[in-house]
N, C-alpha and C. Protein backbone atom coordinates (compact mmCIF):
# COMPACT_ATOMS: atom_id res chain seq x y z
N MET A 1 0.41 -0.99 0.00
CA MET A 1 0.36 0.05 -0.03
C MET A 1 0.80 1.40 0.10
N TYR A 2 0.55 2.18 -0.64
CA TYR A 2 1.22 3.28 -0.87
C TYR A 2 0.89 4.22 0.85
N GLY A 3 1.76 5.18 1.03
CA GLY A 3 1.52 6.05 2.19
C GLY A 3 0.07 6.64 2.29
N ILE A 4 -0.33 6.79 1.19
CA ILE A 4 -1.43 7.99 1.44
C ILE A 4 -2.73 7.03 2.14
N VAL A 5 -2.48 5.54 1.71
CA VAL A 5 -3.80 4.92 2.35
C VAL A 5 -3.41 4.95 3.77
N ASN A 6 -2.11 4.91 4.26
CA ASN A 6 -2.17 4.82 5.96
C ASN A 6 -2.32 6.47 6.43
N LYS A 7 -1.82 7.30 5.76
CA LYS A 7 -1.98 8.98 5.98
C LYS A 7 -3.68 8.83 5.98
N ALA A 8 -4.35 8.52 5.26
CA ALA A 8 -5.70 8.98 5.28
C ALA A 8 -6.93 7.65 6.78
N ILE A 9 -6.09 6.90 7.10
CA ILE A 9 -6.40 6.38 8.11
C ILE A 9 -6.14 7.07 9.20
N GLN A 10 -4.80 7.70 9.50
CA GLN A 10 -4.49 8.73 10.17
C GLN A 10 -5.84 9.48 10.41
N GLU A 11 -6.11 10.53 9.15
CA GLU A 11 -6.61 11.62 9.26
C GLU A 11 -7.88 11.04 9.75
N LEU A 12 -8.51 10.12 9.26
CA LEU A 12 -9.78 9.64 10.03
C LEU A 12 -9.93 9.24 11.26
N VAL A 13 -9.04 9.18 11.95
CA VAL A 13 -8.88 8.91 13.09
C VAL A 13 -8.88 10.17 13.95
N ILE A 14 -7.88 10.87 13.21
CA ILE A 14 -7.67 12.54 13.89
C ILE A 14 -8.88 12.98 14.00
N ALA A 15 -9.38 13.03 12.87
CA ALA A 15 -11.04 13.82 12.37
C ALA A 15 -11.76 13.61 13.27
N ASN A 16 -12.03 12.46 13.71
CA ASN A 16 -13.21 11.73 14.77
C ASN A 16 -12.96 11.46 16.27
N PHE A 17 -11.36 11.26 16.11
CA PHE A 17 -11.21 11.23 17.78
C PHE A 17 -9.70 12.19 18.42
N GLY A 18 -9.42 12.57 17.28
CA GLY A 18 -8.18 13.64 18.00
C GLY A 18 -7.12 12.99 18.17
N LYS A 19 -5.93 13.50 17.60
CA LYS A 19 -4.54 13.76 17.70
C LYS A 19 -4.18 12.35 19.43
N ASP A 20 -4.66 12.77 20.29
CA ASP A 20 -4.14 11.66 21.39
C ASP A 20 -4.44 10.50 21.43
N LYS A 21 -6.04 10.16 20.30
CA LYS A 21 -6.44 9.03 20.14
C LYS A 21 -5.28 8.16 19.12
N TRP A 22 -5.21 9.06 17.83
CA TRP A 22 -4.18 8.30 16.79
C TRP A 22 -2.80 7.99 17.68
N GLU A 23 -1.97 8.68 18.27
CA GLU A 23 -0.86 8.13 18.77
C GLU A 23 -1.33 6.87 19.97
N ILE A 24 -2.31 6.83 20.73
CA ILE A 24 -2.65 5.53 20.92
C ILE A 24 -2.44 4.46 20.66
N ILE A 25 -3.32 4.64 19.39
CA ILE A 25 -3.70 3.92 18.13
C ILE A 25 -2.44 3.02 17.48
N ARG A 26 -1.69 4.35 16.70
CA ARG A 26 0.15 4.23 16.87
C ARG A 26 0.94 3.29 17.00
N GLU A 27 1.16 3.91 18.38
CA GLU A 27 1.55 2.89 19.68
C GLU A 27 1.07 1.35 20.05
N ARG A 28 -0.48 1.27 20.16
CA ARG A 28 -0.60 -0.03 19.91
C ARG A 28 -0.48 -0.90 19.09
N SER A 29 -0.51 -0.70 17.39
CA SER A 29 -0.37 -0.78 16.14
C SER A 29 1.00 -1.37 16.25
N GLY A 30 2.23 -1.01 17.00
CA GLY A 30 3.24 -1.38 17.22
C GLY A 30 4.15 -0.60 15.88
N ILE A 31 3.51 0.09 15.02
CA ILE A 31 3.97 0.87 14.11
C ILE A 31 5.27 1.58 14.61
N ASP A 32 6.01 1.96 13.95
CA ASP A 32 7.41 3.05 14.60
C ASP A 32 7.66 3.45 13.53
N VAL A 33 6.61 4.63 12.90
CA VAL A 33 6.53 5.71 11.59
C VAL A 33 6.01 6.58 11.99
N ASP A 34 6.34 7.81 12.17
CA ASP A 34 5.98 8.70 12.91
C ASP A 34 5.15 9.60 11.98
N PHE A 35 5.48 9.47 10.46
CA PHE A 35 4.72 10.00 9.31
C PHE A 35 4.85 9.42 8.31
N PHE A 36 3.48 8.96 7.41
CA PHE A 36 3.81 8.52 6.11
C PHE A 36 3.94 9.22 4.92
N ILE A 37 4.80 9.00 3.57
CA ILE A 37 5.02 9.86 2.81
C ILE A 37 4.20 9.34 1.59
N SER A 38 3.07 10.29 1.20
CA SER A 38 2.17 9.55 0.81
C SER A 38 2.36 8.37 -0.96
N ASN A 39 3.72 8.99 -1.56
CA ASN A 39 3.72 8.61 -2.35
C ASN A 39 5.07 7.40 -2.64
N GLU A 40 5.05 7.12 -1.38
CA GLU A 40 6.22 5.43 -1.05
C GLU A 40 5.22 4.73 -1.11
N PRO A 41 5.71 3.57 -1.26
CA PRO A 41 5.14 2.08 -0.80
C PRO A 41 5.23 1.60 0.38
N TYR A 42 4.58 1.20 1.35
CA TYR A 42 4.97 0.27 2.48
C TYR A 42 4.13 -0.92 2.73
N ASP A 43 4.78 -1.47 3.61
CA ASP A 43 3.90 -3.16 3.78
C ASP A 43 2.51 -3.23 3.67
N ASP A 44 1.87 -4.02 3.41
CA ASP A 44 0.40 -4.30 3.51
C ASP A 44 -0.19 -4.66 5.13
N ASP A 45 0.80 -4.81 6.10
CA ASP A 45 0.80 -5.20 7.02
C ASP A 45 0.77 -3.93 8.03
N ILE A 46 1.04 -3.20 7.75
CA ILE A 46 1.33 -1.53 8.53
C ILE A 46 -0.32 -1.52 8.42
N THR A 47 -0.54 -1.43 7.07
CA THR A 47 -2.25 -1.25 7.29
C THR A 47 -2.75 -1.95 8.24
N PHE A 48 -2.94 -3.24 8.19
CA PHE A 48 -3.69 -4.22 8.77
C PHE A 48 -3.57 -3.89 10.27
N LYS A 49 -2.06 -3.55 10.67
CA LYS A 49 -2.10 -3.58 11.82
C LYS A 49 -2.54 -2.03 12.41
N LEU A 50 -2.61 -1.14 11.73
CA LEU A 50 -3.44 0.02 12.03
C LEU A 50 -4.88 -0.04 12.56
N ALA A 51 -5.71 -0.82 11.33
CA ALA A 51 -6.87 -1.05 11.62
C ALA A 51 -7.42 -2.22 12.55
N ILE A 52 -6.34 -2.87 12.70
CA ILE A 52 -6.95 -3.66 14.20
C ILE A 52 -6.57 -2.85 15.21
N ALA A 53 -5.71 -1.74 15.50
CA ALA A 53 -5.52 -1.37 16.53
C ALA A 53 -6.91 -0.55 16.50
N VAL A 54 -7.01 0.45 15.54
CA VAL A 54 -8.14 0.84 15.54
C VAL A 54 -9.59 0.36 16.04
N SER A 55 -9.60 -0.88 15.88
CA SER A 55 -10.36 -1.77 15.85
C SER A 55 -10.72 -2.08 17.75
N GLU A 56 -9.53 -2.54 18.08
CA GLU A 56 -9.39 -3.01 19.72
C GLU A 56 -9.27 -1.68 20.57
N GLU A 57 -8.92 -0.59 19.76
CA GLU A 57 -9.15 0.41 20.69
C GLU A 57 -10.43 1.31 20.51
N MET A 58 -11.41 1.69 19.66
CA MET A 58 -12.50 1.87 19.66
C MET A 58 -13.69 0.89 19.85
N GLY A 59 -13.05 -0.29 20.04
CA GLY A 59 -14.71 -0.95 20.47
C GLY A 59 -15.16 -1.59 19.32
N MET A 60 -14.93 -1.48 17.84
CA MET A 60 -15.24 -2.07 16.43
C MET A 60 -14.75 -3.07 16.25
N SER A 61 -15.34 -3.65 15.05
CA SER A 61 -14.70 -5.03 14.48
C SER A 61 -14.00 -4.48 13.11
N ILE A 62 -13.22 -5.09 13.15
CA ILE A 62 -12.49 -5.48 11.74
C ILE A 62 -13.11 -4.89 10.81
N GLU A 63 -13.99 -5.26 10.45
CA GLU A 63 -14.95 -5.17 9.29
C GLU A 63 -15.53 -3.92 9.32
N GLU A 64 -16.23 -3.12 10.40
CA GLU A 64 -16.26 -1.89 10.78
C GLU A 64 -15.61 -0.93 10.11
N VAL A 65 -13.99 -1.48 10.42
CA VAL A 65 -13.04 -0.50 10.85
C VAL A 65 -12.79 -0.35 8.97
N LEU A 66 -13.26 -1.15 8.33
CA LEU A 66 -12.38 -1.14 7.09
C LEU A 66 -13.87 -0.92 6.10
N VAL A 67 -14.92 -1.05 6.32
CA VAL A 67 -16.08 -0.09 6.00
C VAL A 67 -15.85 1.31 6.02
N ALA A 68 -15.84 1.79 7.50
CA ALA A 68 -15.64 3.16 7.42
C ALA A 68 -14.39 3.81 7.09
N PHE A 69 -13.67 3.17 6.73
CA PHE A 69 -12.22 3.69 5.94
C PHE A 69 -12.46 3.62 4.75
N GLY A 70 -13.19 2.89 4.33
CA GLY A 70 -13.35 2.97 2.39
C GLY A 70 -14.34 3.78 2.31
N GLU A 71 -15.31 4.29 3.03
CA GLU A 71 -16.35 5.43 2.89
C GLU A 71 -15.42 6.53 2.86
N TRP A 72 -14.50 7.06 3.82
CA TRP A 72 -13.50 7.92 4.11
C TRP A 72 -12.67 8.41 3.24
N TRP A 73 -12.23 7.19 2.44
CA TRP A 73 -11.12 6.95 1.39
C TRP A 73 -11.79 7.83 -0.05
N VAL A 74 -13.40 7.63 -0.13
CA VAL A 74 -14.03 8.14 -1.26
C VAL A 74 -14.18 9.66 -0.79
N MET A 75 -14.75 9.86 0.14
CA MET A 75 -16.19 11.17 0.63
C MET A 75 -14.85 11.96 0.74
N LYS A 76 -13.82 11.85 1.33
CA LYS A 76 -12.44 12.71 2.32
C LYS A 76 -11.23 12.48 1.05
N THR A 77 -10.35 11.59 1.18
CA THR A 77 -9.19 11.44 0.81
C THR A 77 -8.90 11.62 -1.05
N THR A 78 -9.70 10.76 -1.45
CA THR A 78 -10.33 10.78 -3.02
C THR A 78 -10.72 11.98 -3.64
N LYS A 79 -12.20 12.01 -3.00
CA LYS A 79 -12.59 13.47 -3.51
C LYS A 79 -12.04 14.60 -3.33
N GLU A 80 -11.38 14.65 -2.00
CA GLU A 80 -10.37 16.14 -1.91
C GLU A 80 -9.09 16.38 -2.71
N LYS A 81 -9.04 15.29 -2.76
CA LYS A 81 -7.43 15.21 -3.19
C LYS A 81 -7.22 15.20 -4.88
N TYR A 82 -7.52 14.06 -5.03
CA TYR A 82 -8.39 13.86 -6.82
C TYR A 82 -9.48 13.79 -7.22
N SER A 83 -10.13 15.26 -7.14
CA SER A 83 -11.38 15.46 -7.38
C SER A 83 -11.40 15.10 -8.75
N GLY A 84 -10.39 15.67 -9.82
CA GLY A 84 -10.41 15.38 -11.24
C GLY A 84 -10.66 14.30 -11.56
N LEU A 85 -9.92 13.31 -10.86
CA LEU A 85 -9.81 11.49 -11.24
C LEU A 85 -10.98 11.08 -10.88
N MET A 86 -11.77 11.37 -9.86
CA MET A 86 -12.86 11.12 -9.23
C MET A 86 -14.04 11.37 -10.55
N GLU A 87 -14.18 12.97 -10.67
CA GLU A 87 -15.15 13.27 -11.75
C GLU A 87 -15.04 12.35 -13.31
N SER A 88 -13.95 12.12 -13.30
CA SER A 88 -13.58 11.36 -15.16
C SER A 88 -13.99 9.98 -14.28
N GLY A 89 -14.34 9.16 -13.16
CA GLY A 89 -15.19 7.78 -13.63
C GLY A 89 -16.46 8.18 -13.91
N GLY A 90 -17.26 8.87 -13.86
CA GLY A 90 -18.96 8.79 -14.50
C GLY A 90 -19.34 10.22 -13.51
N SER A 91 -20.87 10.32 -14.10
CA SER A 91 -21.43 11.25 -13.82
C SER A 91 -22.61 10.83 -12.55
N ASN A 92 -22.40 9.42 -12.30
CA ASN A 92 -23.42 8.86 -11.20
C ASN A 92 -22.44 7.51 -10.76
N LEU A 93 -23.18 6.74 -10.03
CA LEU A 93 -22.73 5.60 -9.13
C LEU A 93 -22.65 4.42 -10.44
N LYS A 94 -23.73 4.26 -11.60
CA LYS A 94 -23.30 3.16 -12.55
C LYS A 94 -22.33 3.24 -13.16
N GLU A 95 -22.14 4.55 -13.95
CA GLU A 95 -21.39 4.95 -14.97
C GLU A 95 -19.98 4.98 -14.01
N PHE A 96 -19.50 5.13 -13.03
CA PHE A 96 -18.49 4.99 -12.17
C PHE A 96 -17.85 3.65 -11.99
N ILE A 97 -19.23 2.27 -11.77
CA ILE A 97 -19.14 1.53 -11.38
C ILE A 97 -18.40 0.65 -12.85
N LEU A 98 -19.39 0.56 -13.97
CA LEU A 98 -18.99 0.57 -15.33
C LEU A 98 -16.98 0.71 -15.36
N ASN A 99 -16.73 1.89 -15.00
CA ASN A 99 -15.47 2.17 -15.44
C ASN A 99 -14.62 1.88 -14.55
N LEU A 100 -14.45 1.17 -13.26
CA LEU A 100 -14.03 0.66 -12.39
C LEU A 100 -12.87 0.00 -12.96
N PRO A 101 -13.13 -1.11 -14.02
CA PRO A 101 -12.03 -1.79 -14.69
C PRO A 101 -11.07 -0.60 -15.15
N VAL A 102 -11.38 0.41 -15.75
CA VAL A 102 -10.16 0.62 -16.23
C VAL A 102 -9.72 2.08 -15.38
N PHE A 103 -10.67 1.66 -14.50
CA PHE A 103 -10.39 3.27 -13.46
C PHE A 103 -8.54 3.42 -12.71
N HIS A 104 -8.01 2.48 -12.48
CA HIS A 104 -6.98 2.20 -11.86
C HIS A 104 -5.64 2.21 -12.49
N ASN A 105 -6.25 2.08 -14.14
CA ASN A 105 -4.96 2.28 -15.01
C ASN A 105 -4.82 3.81 -14.81
N ARG A 106 -5.79 4.96 -14.70
CA ARG A 106 -5.41 6.63 -14.65
C ARG A 106 -4.66 6.45 -13.23
N VAL A 107 -4.99 5.76 -12.23
CA VAL A 107 -4.09 5.50 -10.84
C VAL A 107 -2.81 5.25 -11.17
N MET A 108 -2.73 4.37 -12.10
CA MET A 108 -1.32 3.93 -11.88
C MET A 108 -0.06 4.92 -12.41
N LEU A 109 -0.27 6.06 -13.24
CA LEU A 109 0.27 7.14 -13.82
C LEU A 109 0.13 7.89 -12.71
N ILE A 110 -0.24 8.04 -11.56
CA ILE A 110 -0.08 8.73 -10.50
C ILE A 110 1.02 8.13 -9.35
N TYR A 111 0.75 6.82 -9.20
CA TYR A 111 1.42 5.78 -8.76
C TYR A 111 1.81 4.33 -9.09
N PRO A 112 3.43 4.81 -9.76
CA PRO A 112 3.43 3.59 -11.14
C PRO A 112 3.96 2.20 -10.23
N LYS A 113 3.83 2.29 -9.01
CA LYS A 113 4.23 1.22 -8.32
C LYS A 113 3.47 0.40 -7.55
N LEU A 114 2.07 0.88 -7.93
CA LEU A 114 0.85 0.56 -7.35
C LEU A 114 0.58 -1.11 -8.08
N THR A 115 -0.24 -1.90 -6.71
CA THR A 115 -0.60 -3.05 -7.41
C THR A 115 -1.97 -3.21 -7.11
N PRO A 116 -2.63 -2.72 -7.99
CA PRO A 116 -4.00 -2.37 -7.87
C PRO A 116 -5.02 -3.94 -8.30
N PRO A 117 -6.18 -3.85 -7.48
CA PRO A 117 -7.41 -4.86 -7.61
C PRO A 117 -7.52 -4.88 -8.64
N GLU A 118 -8.26 -6.14 -9.13
CA GLU A 118 -8.82 -5.84 -10.53
C GLU A 118 -10.22 -6.07 -10.42
N PHE A 119 -11.27 -4.90 -11.16
CA PHE A 119 -12.38 -5.04 -10.82
C PHE A 119 -13.02 -5.43 -12.31
N LYS A 120 -13.95 -6.57 -12.32
CA LYS A 120 -14.38 -6.94 -13.80
C LYS A 120 -16.26 -6.77 -13.16
N VAL A 121 -17.15 -6.41 -14.00
CA VAL A 121 -18.85 -5.90 -14.26
C VAL A 121 -19.22 -6.64 -14.99
N THR A 122 -20.35 -7.53 -14.20
CA THR A 122 -21.19 -8.33 -15.16
C THR A 122 -22.42 -8.21 -14.45
N ASP A 123 -23.57 -8.86 -15.36
CA ASP A 123 -24.90 -8.99 -14.92
C ASP A 123 -25.34 -7.71 -14.87
N ILE A 124 -25.19 -6.89 -15.73
CA ILE A 124 -25.72 -5.35 -15.20
C ILE A 124 -27.29 -5.25 -16.13
N THR A 125 -27.89 -4.62 -15.35
CA THR A 125 -28.97 -4.59 -15.57
C THR A 125 -29.50 -2.83 -14.95
N GLU A 126 -30.92 -2.29 -15.16
CA GLU A 126 -31.24 -0.66 -14.96
C GLU A 126 -30.33 -0.33 -13.50
N ASN A 127 -31.01 -1.04 -12.82
CA ASN A 127 -30.18 -0.94 -11.34
C ASN A 127 -29.62 -1.73 -10.58
N SER A 128 -28.83 -2.46 -11.17
CA SER A 128 -27.90 -3.66 -10.48
C SER A 128 -26.83 -3.88 -10.95
N VAL A 129 -25.58 -4.17 -10.74
CA VAL A 129 -24.60 -4.69 -11.23
C VAL A 129 -23.76 -6.06 -10.50
N ASN A 130 -23.22 -6.64 -11.03
CA ASN A 130 -22.20 -7.81 -9.87
C ASN A 130 -20.91 -7.20 -10.37
N LEU A 131 -20.00 -6.76 -8.95
CA LEU A 131 -18.32 -6.54 -9.36
C LEU A 131 -18.08 -7.55 -8.71
N HIS A 132 -17.23 -7.86 -9.35
CA HIS A 132 -16.12 -8.66 -8.95
C HIS A 132 -15.03 -8.23 -8.43
N TYR A 133 -14.17 -8.29 -7.79
CA TYR A 133 -12.73 -8.22 -6.49
C TYR A 133 -12.15 -9.21 -6.95
N LEU A 134 -11.07 -8.76 -7.63
CA LEU A 134 -10.00 -9.85 -7.80
C LEU A 134 -8.30 -8.83 -7.20
N SER A 135 -7.88 -9.71 -6.33
CA SER A 135 -7.06 -9.19 -5.66
C SER A 135 -5.96 -9.89 -5.33
N THR A 136 -4.59 -9.83 -5.20
CA THR A 136 -3.71 -10.89 -4.75
C THR A 136 -3.60 -10.48 -3.13
N ARG A 137 -4.47 -8.85 -2.98
CA ARG A 137 -4.47 -9.27 -1.48
C ARG A 137 -6.03 -9.44 -0.86
N ILE A 138 -5.40 -10.00 0.46
CA ILE A 138 -6.74 -10.79 0.77
C ILE A 138 -6.66 -10.39 2.63
N GLY A 139 -8.60 -9.99 2.74
CA GLY A 139 -8.89 -9.12 3.66
C GLY A 139 -9.66 -8.05 3.31
N PHE A 140 -9.67 -7.51 2.61
CA PHE A 140 -9.89 -6.12 1.96
C PHE A 140 -10.99 -6.13 1.81
N GLN A 141 -11.96 -7.21 1.49
CA GLN A 141 -13.17 -6.96 1.02
C GLN A 141 -14.06 -5.88 1.87
N GLU A 142 -14.24 -6.08 2.80
CA GLU A 142 -15.06 -5.09 3.85
C GLU A 142 -14.58 -3.75 3.30
N PHE A 143 -12.94 -3.40 3.04
CA PHE A 143 -12.85 -2.04 2.31
C PHE A 143 -13.39 -1.57 0.96
N VAL A 144 -14.00 -2.99 0.27
CA VAL A 144 -14.05 -2.49 -0.94
C VAL A 144 -15.66 -2.28 -0.43
N ARG A 145 -16.29 -3.02 0.10
CA ARG A 145 -17.94 -2.50 0.28
C ARG A 145 -17.68 -0.80 1.07
N GLY A 146 -16.81 -0.74 1.78
CA GLY A 146 -16.76 0.93 2.12
C GLY A 146 -16.75 1.65 1.11
N LEU A 147 -15.96 1.60 0.15
CA LEU A 147 -15.50 2.28 -0.72
C LEU A 147 -16.80 2.14 -2.06
N ILE A 148 -17.86 1.17 -2.50
CA ILE A 148 -18.98 1.15 -2.64
C ILE A 148 -19.94 2.59 -2.27
N GLN A 149 -20.33 1.98 -0.55
CA GLN A 149 -20.64 2.96 0.60
C GLN A 149 -20.57 4.03 -0.43
N GLY A 150 -19.09 4.98 -0.13
CA GLY A 150 -19.01 5.59 -0.23
C GLY A 150 -19.09 6.30 -1.39
N LEU A 151 -18.85 5.63 -2.60
CA LEU A 151 -19.47 6.49 -3.86
C LEU A 151 -21.10 6.47 -4.06
N ALA A 152 -21.27 5.41 -3.49
CA ALA A 152 -23.14 5.91 -3.38
C ALA A 152 -23.81 7.30 -2.76
N LYS A 153 -23.05 7.22 -1.70
CA LYS A 153 -23.07 8.43 -0.88
C LYS A 153 -22.92 9.93 -2.13
N MET A 154 -21.38 9.85 -2.31
CA MET A 154 -21.06 10.82 -3.23
C MET A 154 -21.97 11.31 -4.73
N PHE A 155 -23.05 10.02 -5.01
CA PHE A 155 -23.56 10.03 -6.04
C PHE A 155 -25.11 10.09 -5.40
N ASP A 156 -25.10 10.69 -3.99
CA ASP A 156 -26.40 10.81 -3.52
C ASP A 156 -27.57 9.14 -3.93
N THR A 157 -27.15 8.06 -4.03
CA THR A 157 -27.68 7.15 -4.06
C THR A 157 -27.50 6.06 -3.28
N ASN A 158 -29.01 5.48 -3.20
CA ASN A 158 -29.45 4.46 -2.03
C ASN A 158 -28.78 3.04 -2.54
N VAL A 159 -27.92 2.21 -1.77
CA VAL A 159 -27.26 1.16 -1.98
C VAL A 159 -27.41 0.07 -1.23
N LEU A 160 -27.59 -1.24 -1.97
CA LEU A 160 -27.41 -2.44 -1.18
C LEU A 160 -26.39 -3.08 -1.60
N ILE A 161 -25.70 -3.65 -1.12
CA ILE A 161 -24.22 -4.48 -1.31
C ILE A 161 -24.61 -5.83 -0.53
N GLU A 162 -24.11 -6.68 -1.30
CA GLU A 162 -24.90 -8.14 -0.97
C GLU A 162 -23.37 -8.70 -1.43
N LEU A 163 -22.45 -9.35 -0.20
CA LEU A 163 -21.40 -10.38 -0.98
C LEU A 163 -21.93 -11.87 -1.37
N VAL A 164 -21.75 -11.99 -2.73
CA VAL A 164 -22.71 -13.59 -3.12
C VAL A 164 -21.47 -14.32 -3.62
N GLN A 165 -20.34 -13.76 -3.40
CA GLN A 165 -19.12 -14.66 -3.42
C GLN A 165 -17.97 -14.47 -2.87
N SER A 166 -17.07 -15.36 -1.97
CA SER A 166 -16.25 -15.03 -0.90
C SER A 166 -14.68 -15.80 -1.34
N ARG A 167 -14.12 -15.56 -1.12
CA ARG A 167 -12.75 -16.28 -1.23
C ARG A 167 -12.62 -17.05 0.23
N ASN A 168 -13.13 -16.60 1.48
CA ASN A 168 -13.50 -16.87 2.57
C ASN A 168 -14.04 -18.67 2.53
N SER A 169 -14.88 -18.47 1.10
CA SER A 169 -16.02 -19.82 1.09
C SER A 169 -15.04 -20.72 -0.01
N GLY A 170 -13.91 -20.27 -0.28
CA GLY A 170 -13.45 -20.95 -1.30
C GLY A 170 -13.37 -20.40 -2.45
N HIS A 171 -13.67 -19.92 -3.17
CA HIS A 171 -14.32 -19.04 -4.23
C HIS A 171 -12.71 -18.25 -4.84
N SER A 172 -12.45 -17.84 -6.19
CA SER A 172 -11.33 -17.40 -6.14
C SER A 172 -10.80 -16.08 -5.75
N HIS A 173 -12.07 -15.16 -6.25
CA HIS A 173 -12.70 -13.97 -6.08
C HIS A 173 -13.93 -13.65 -5.28
N GLU A 174 -14.13 -12.08 -4.70
CA GLU A 174 -15.24 -11.90 -4.07
C GLU A 174 -15.85 -11.32 -5.39
N ILE A 175 -17.55 -11.28 -4.93
CA ILE A 175 -18.02 -10.79 -6.37
C ILE A 175 -19.57 -9.90 -5.04
N PHE A 176 -19.77 -8.79 -5.16
CA PHE A 176 -20.79 -8.23 -4.97
C PHE A 176 -21.62 -7.68 -5.67
N LYS A 177 -22.93 -8.00 -5.32
CA LYS A 177 -24.47 -8.05 -6.08
C LYS A 177 -24.32 -5.86 -5.53
N ILE A 178 -24.83 -5.53 -6.39
CA ILE A 178 -24.64 -3.90 -5.87
C ILE A 178 -26.08 -3.47 -6.68
N THR A 179 -27.06 -3.22 -6.08
CA THR A 179 -28.39 -2.47 -6.27
C THR A 179 -28.52 -1.11 -5.81
N TRP A 180 -29.13 -0.14 -6.58
CA TRP A 180 -29.03 1.28 -6.15
C TRP A 180 -30.77 1.64 -6.73
N GLU A 181 -30.60 2.97 -6.38
CA GLU A 181 -31.72 3.57 -6.47
C GLU A 181 -31.63 4.96 -6.13
N LYS A 182 -31.84 6.02 -7.11
CA LYS A 182 -31.59 7.60 -6.63
C LYS A 182 -32.16 8.18 -5.31
N ILE A 183 -31.71 8.84 -4.91
CA ILE A 183 -32.35 9.44 -3.57
C ILE A 183 -33.08 10.44 -4.59
């Protein structure tokens, strides 16, 4: 993961709970990094340790932490820092999701060492799609759920997200069935 991801976790904690709570979480995680450099790659283990420390300190499940972080990533980090990139993704939730398979190609221009997940979209209807999430990273499916929820908020859309297939059940990748209606 790039440092921008870990910085976003830090920003989420500070914005919601304060700097003192961030220091407690950083210490609890065992991460000996005082600040993250946005465009530098870091081991995925750091991100997981931070998420686990937030989970333990705040009394939340790791799944709740990852969902909250996914929403934050869309609504704060990318929307504020990469608004042009986000706007190029589409003018509504359906367009954005349909463009996800090529979205990371644009992101890789900014972060060339990125190992992005792959997304495929199938079973497209007027108000639903199946989003296939293929990644070498294990354990981020709830982060993806949070990203989808954040996109739904960004586009003022009610969304239902069902995990219909998971690597936890022996499959090769996750599939989310996403159903929506405009607010």
